[in-house]
C-alpha cells in the first residue's frame, strides 16, 4: 500500500489577496486605521505569490488592495496635515453640524 500525498494546485489560495482588497475598500471609509494593515497584508500576499505562484494566487487583487490602501493612507495624512495647518476648519465644521469638535470654542 503506497501513501501518496497529492497537492491540489489547480486552484491557488486567494485568502490574503482577498483580505488585502477588503482592507483597501474599507480603508477608503475608515482611513488610516485600516490602511496600515491593508498595506502589510497586501505586501505579504504579493511576496507569497512571487515565491510560490502555483500555491498562491490573486496578484491583481493584492495589487488593487495595495493601491487602495496607499491612496486612503495618503488622503488620511493629507487631511490630518490640513486640519493642523488650518485649525479654523474644525470650528466651521462644528458650526455646520452643531456639534462641538476638538479645538472648537463651543
Foldseek 3Di string as FASTA:
>chain_A
DDDDDDDDLPDADEVLLQVLLVLLVVCLVVAPVSLVVSLVSLVVLCVVCVVPVSRHDNNVSSVNSNVSSVVRHVVVVVVVVVCVVPVCVQQVVCVVVVHADPPHPD
